Amino acid sequence: MKPDNPLLKILACPLDKGPLILDESGGALYNPRLRRRYPIVDGIPQLLPSSGVQAVEEGPAVENEHDVSAGLSDSADRDRA
C-alpha cells in the first residue's frame, strides 16, 4: 500500500473508529491512540479487532516515564523518613 492511496483516508481502526497511520517499514497500519498495529497482507489491510497486535514501544519516552515515576516514589519515601 502506498502513502498516497486514497483508501487510507477512509480506513479506520475497528476498535475506536479513529484514523490509522501507514507504517511502511512494517507493512502495517498503526493506531497511535491504542498503540495497535494491523497487518497489511498482499496489499489488503487486516482490520478485524482480532488481527490487531499491541505495539511494543521502546525508546526514551518509556524510559523517561519510568524514571519520573521512580523519582516521585523516592521523594515520597524521603518525606516519610
N, C-alpha and C. Protein backbone atom coordinates (compact mmCIF):
# COMPACT_ATOMS: atom_id res chain seq x y z
N MET A 1 0.86 -1.17 0.00
CA MET A 1 0.00 0.00 0.00
C MET A 1 0.90 1.23 0.00
N LYS A 2 0.56 2.21 -0.82
CA LYS A 2 1.35 3.43 -0.94
C LYS A 2 0.76 4.53 -0.05
N PRO A 3 1.61 5.45 0.40
CA PRO A 3 1.14 6.52 1.29
C PRO A 3 0.09 7.44 0.65
N ASP A 4 0.07 7.54 -0.68
CA ASP A 4 -0.90 8.41 -1.34
C ASP A 4 -2.18 7.68 -1.75
N ASN A 5 -2.34 6.46 -1.29
CA ASN A 5 -3.53 5.67 -1.62
C ASN A 5 -4.76 6.33 -1.00
N PRO A 6 -5.79 6.65 -1.80
CA PRO A 6 -6.99 7.30 -1.25
C PRO A 6 -7.73 6.45 -0.22
N LEU A 7 -7.49 5.15 -0.25
CA LEU A 7 -8.14 4.26 0.73
C LEU A 7 -7.72 4.60 2.15
N LEU A 8 -6.50 5.11 2.32
CA LEU A 8 -6.01 5.45 3.66
C LEU A 8 -6.85 6.52 4.33
N LYS A 9 -7.49 7.37 3.55
CA LYS A 9 -8.30 8.45 4.13
C LYS A 9 -9.59 7.94 4.75
N ILE A 10 -10.06 6.76 4.31
CA ILE A 10 -11.34 6.27 4.82
C ILE A 10 -11.20 5.07 5.75
N LEU A 11 -10.01 4.48 5.82
CA LEU A 11 -9.81 3.36 6.72
C LEU A 11 -9.80 3.84 8.16
N ALA A 12 -10.36 3.05 9.05
CA ALA A 12 -10.42 3.41 10.47
C ALA A 12 -10.14 2.18 11.33
N CYS A 13 -9.69 2.43 12.52
CA CYS A 13 -9.44 1.36 13.48
C CYS A 13 -10.78 0.69 13.83
N PRO A 14 -10.84 -0.63 13.83
CA PRO A 14 -12.11 -1.30 14.15
C PRO A 14 -12.53 -1.15 15.61
N LEU A 15 -11.61 -0.75 16.48
CA LEU A 15 -11.94 -0.62 17.90
C LEU A 15 -12.40 0.77 18.28
N ASP A 16 -11.63 1.81 17.92
CA ASP A 16 -12.01 3.17 18.32
C ASP A 16 -12.51 4.03 17.16
N LYS A 17 -12.54 3.46 15.97
CA LYS A 17 -13.07 4.14 14.76
C LYS A 17 -12.27 5.38 14.36
N GLY A 18 -11.06 5.54 14.91
CA GLY A 18 -10.21 6.68 14.58
C GLY A 18 -9.32 6.38 13.38
N PRO A 19 -8.64 7.40 12.87
CA PRO A 19 -7.77 7.22 11.71
C PRO A 19 -6.54 6.38 12.03
N LEU A 20 -6.00 5.76 10.98
CA LEU A 20 -4.81 4.94 11.10
C LEU A 20 -3.66 5.56 10.33
N ILE A 21 -2.45 5.25 10.73
CA ILE A 21 -1.25 5.76 10.08
C ILE A 21 -0.56 4.60 9.38
N LEU A 22 -0.12 4.82 8.15
CA LEU A 22 0.59 3.79 7.41
C LEU A 22 2.01 3.67 7.93
N ASP A 23 2.37 2.47 8.33
CA ASP A 23 3.74 2.16 8.75
C ASP A 23 4.36 1.37 7.61
N GLU A 24 5.03 2.08 6.71
CA GLU A 24 5.58 1.45 5.51
C GLU A 24 6.66 0.43 5.83
N SER A 25 7.47 0.68 6.84
CA SER A 25 8.57 -0.24 7.15
C SER A 25 8.06 -1.59 7.64
N GLY A 26 6.97 -1.58 8.37
CA GLY A 26 6.45 -2.82 8.91
C GLY A 26 5.31 -3.42 8.12
N GLY A 27 4.86 -2.74 7.08
CA GLY A 27 3.74 -3.25 6.30
C GLY A 27 2.49 -3.38 7.14
N ALA A 28 2.18 -2.31 7.88
CA ALA A 28 1.03 -2.35 8.78
C ALA A 28 0.39 -0.97 8.87
N LEU A 29 -0.81 -0.94 9.40
CA LEU A 29 -1.49 0.30 9.75
C LEU A 29 -1.42 0.42 11.27
N TYR A 30 -1.14 1.62 11.75
CA TYR A 30 -0.89 1.83 13.18
C TYR A 30 -1.90 2.80 13.77
N ASN A 31 -2.42 2.44 14.94
CA ASN A 31 -3.30 3.32 15.69
C ASN A 31 -2.51 3.81 16.91
N PRO A 32 -2.05 5.09 16.88
CA PRO A 32 -1.23 5.58 17.99
C PRO A 32 -2.01 5.74 19.30
N ARG A 33 -3.32 5.90 19.23
CA ARG A 33 -4.11 6.08 20.44
C ARG A 33 -4.18 4.79 21.26
N LEU A 34 -4.35 3.67 20.59
CA LEU A 34 -4.43 2.37 21.27
C LEU A 34 -3.11 1.60 21.19
N ARG A 35 -2.16 2.15 20.44
CA ARG A 35 -0.86 1.50 20.22
C ARG A 35 -1.04 0.10 19.66
N ARG A 36 -1.86 0.00 18.61
CA ARG A 36 -2.12 -1.29 17.95
C ARG A 36 -1.71 -1.21 16.49
N ARG A 37 -1.18 -2.31 15.99
CA ARG A 37 -0.79 -2.43 14.59
C ARG A 37 -1.68 -3.47 13.92
N TYR A 38 -2.13 -3.13 12.71
CA TYR A 38 -2.94 -4.04 11.91
C TYR A 38 -2.15 -4.37 10.66
N PRO A 39 -1.88 -5.66 10.40
CA PRO A 39 -1.02 -6.04 9.28
C PRO A 39 -1.69 -5.78 7.93
N ILE A 40 -0.83 -5.58 6.92
CA ILE A 40 -1.29 -5.50 5.53
C ILE A 40 -0.73 -6.74 4.84
N VAL A 41 -1.62 -7.63 4.40
CA VAL A 41 -1.23 -8.89 3.78
C VAL A 41 -1.62 -8.86 2.31
N ASP A 42 -0.63 -9.00 1.44
CA ASP A 42 -0.86 -8.95 -0.01
C ASP A 42 -1.60 -7.68 -0.42
N GLY A 43 -1.29 -6.56 0.23
CA GLY A 43 -1.90 -5.28 -0.11
C GLY A 43 -3.27 -5.05 0.50
N ILE A 44 -3.73 -5.99 1.32
CA ILE A 44 -5.07 -5.89 1.92
C ILE A 44 -4.93 -5.69 3.44
N PRO A 45 -5.41 -4.56 3.96
CA PRO A 45 -5.35 -4.33 5.41
C PRO A 45 -6.25 -5.31 6.16
N GLN A 46 -5.71 -5.90 7.19
CA GLN A 46 -6.45 -6.85 8.02
C GLN A 46 -7.02 -6.07 9.21
N LEU A 47 -8.24 -5.60 9.08
CA LEU A 47 -8.81 -4.69 10.08
C LEU A 47 -9.88 -5.33 10.96
N LEU A 48 -9.70 -6.58 11.28
CA LEU A 48 -10.55 -7.20 12.28
C LEU A 48 -9.95 -6.92 13.65
N PRO A 49 -10.77 -6.72 14.67
CA PRO A 49 -10.21 -6.47 16.00
C PRO A 49 -9.23 -7.55 16.44
N SER A 50 -9.49 -8.80 16.06
CA SER A 50 -8.61 -9.90 16.46
C SER A 50 -7.28 -9.91 15.71
N SER A 51 -7.19 -9.20 14.59
CA SER A 51 -5.94 -9.20 13.83
C SER A 51 -4.98 -8.11 14.31
N GLY A 52 -5.45 -7.20 15.15
CA GLY A 52 -4.58 -6.16 15.69
C GLY A 52 -3.63 -6.72 16.73
N VAL A 53 -2.41 -6.18 16.73
CA VAL A 53 -1.38 -6.61 17.68
C VAL A 53 -0.93 -5.41 18.48
N GLN A 54 -0.81 -5.57 19.78
CA GLN A 54 -0.32 -4.49 20.63
C GLN A 54 1.11 -4.16 20.25
N ALA A 55 1.37 -2.90 19.96
CA ALA A 55 2.72 -2.47 19.58
C ALA A 55 3.58 -2.32 20.83
N VAL A 56 4.81 -2.77 20.74
CA VAL A 56 5.75 -2.63 21.85
C VAL A 56 6.51 -1.34 21.63
N GLU A 57 6.42 -0.44 22.58
CA GLU A 57 7.10 0.85 22.47
C GLU A 57 8.43 0.76 23.16
N GLU A 58 9.46 1.16 22.44
CA GLU A 58 10.80 1.19 23.01
C GLU A 58 11.36 2.58 22.82
N GLY A 59 12.29 2.95 23.65
CA GLY A 59 12.94 4.23 23.45
C GLY A 59 12.87 5.11 24.67
N PRO A 60 13.33 6.35 24.51
CA PRO A 60 13.46 7.26 25.66
C PRO A 60 12.14 7.62 26.31
N ALA A 61 11.05 7.69 25.56
CA ALA A 61 9.77 8.10 26.16
C ALA A 61 9.35 7.12 27.25
N VAL A 62 9.50 5.83 27.01
CA VAL A 62 9.13 4.84 28.01
C VAL A 62 10.09 4.91 29.19
N GLU A 63 11.38 5.04 28.90
CA GLU A 63 12.36 5.11 29.99
C GLU A 63 12.16 6.35 30.83
N ASN A 64 11.90 7.50 30.20
CA ASN A 64 11.70 8.74 30.95
C ASN A 64 10.48 8.65 31.85
N GLU A 65 9.42 8.03 31.36
CA GLU A 65 8.22 7.89 32.18
C GLU A 65 8.54 7.06 33.42
N HIS A 66 9.30 6.00 33.24
CA HIS A 66 9.68 5.15 34.36
C HIS A 66 10.56 5.93 35.35
N ASP A 67 11.52 6.69 34.81
CA ASP A 67 12.41 7.46 35.67
C ASP A 67 11.65 8.50 36.48
N VAL A 68 10.67 9.15 35.88
CA VAL A 68 9.90 10.17 36.59
C VAL A 68 9.09 9.53 37.71
N SER A 69 8.43 8.40 37.41
CA SER A 69 7.62 7.77 38.45
C SER A 69 8.52 7.24 39.57
N ALA A 70 9.72 6.76 39.22
CA ALA A 70 10.64 6.28 40.25
C ALA A 70 11.10 7.44 41.11
N GLY A 71 11.35 8.59 40.51
CA GLY A 71 11.78 9.76 41.26
C GLY A 71 10.71 10.24 42.21
N LEU A 72 9.45 10.16 41.80
CA LEU A 72 8.37 10.59 42.68
C LEU A 72 8.25 9.68 43.89
N SER A 73 8.38 8.38 43.68
CA SER A 73 8.26 7.48 44.82
C SER A 73 9.45 7.63 45.76
N ASP A 74 10.65 7.90 45.21
CA ASP A 74 11.80 8.12 46.05
C ASP A 74 11.63 9.35 46.92
N SER A 75 11.13 10.44 46.35
CA SER A 75 10.94 11.67 47.13
C SER A 75 9.86 11.48 48.18
N ALA A 76 8.84 10.69 47.86
CA ALA A 76 7.79 10.43 48.83
C ALA A 76 8.34 9.61 49.99
N ASP A 77 9.24 8.66 49.67
CA ASP A 77 9.86 7.84 50.73
C ASP A 77 10.72 8.73 51.63
N ARG A 78 11.45 9.68 51.03
CA ARG A 78 12.29 10.58 51.81
C ARG A 78 11.45 11.47 52.71
N ASP A 79 10.28 11.90 52.24
CA ASP A 79 9.40 12.75 53.04
C ASP A 79 8.88 12.01 54.26
N ARG A 80 8.64 10.70 54.11
CA ARG A 80 8.13 9.89 55.20
C ARG A 80 9.18 9.66 56.28
N ALA A 81 10.45 9.64 55.89
CA ALA A 81 11.53 9.30 56.84
C ALA A 81 11.83 10.41 57.82
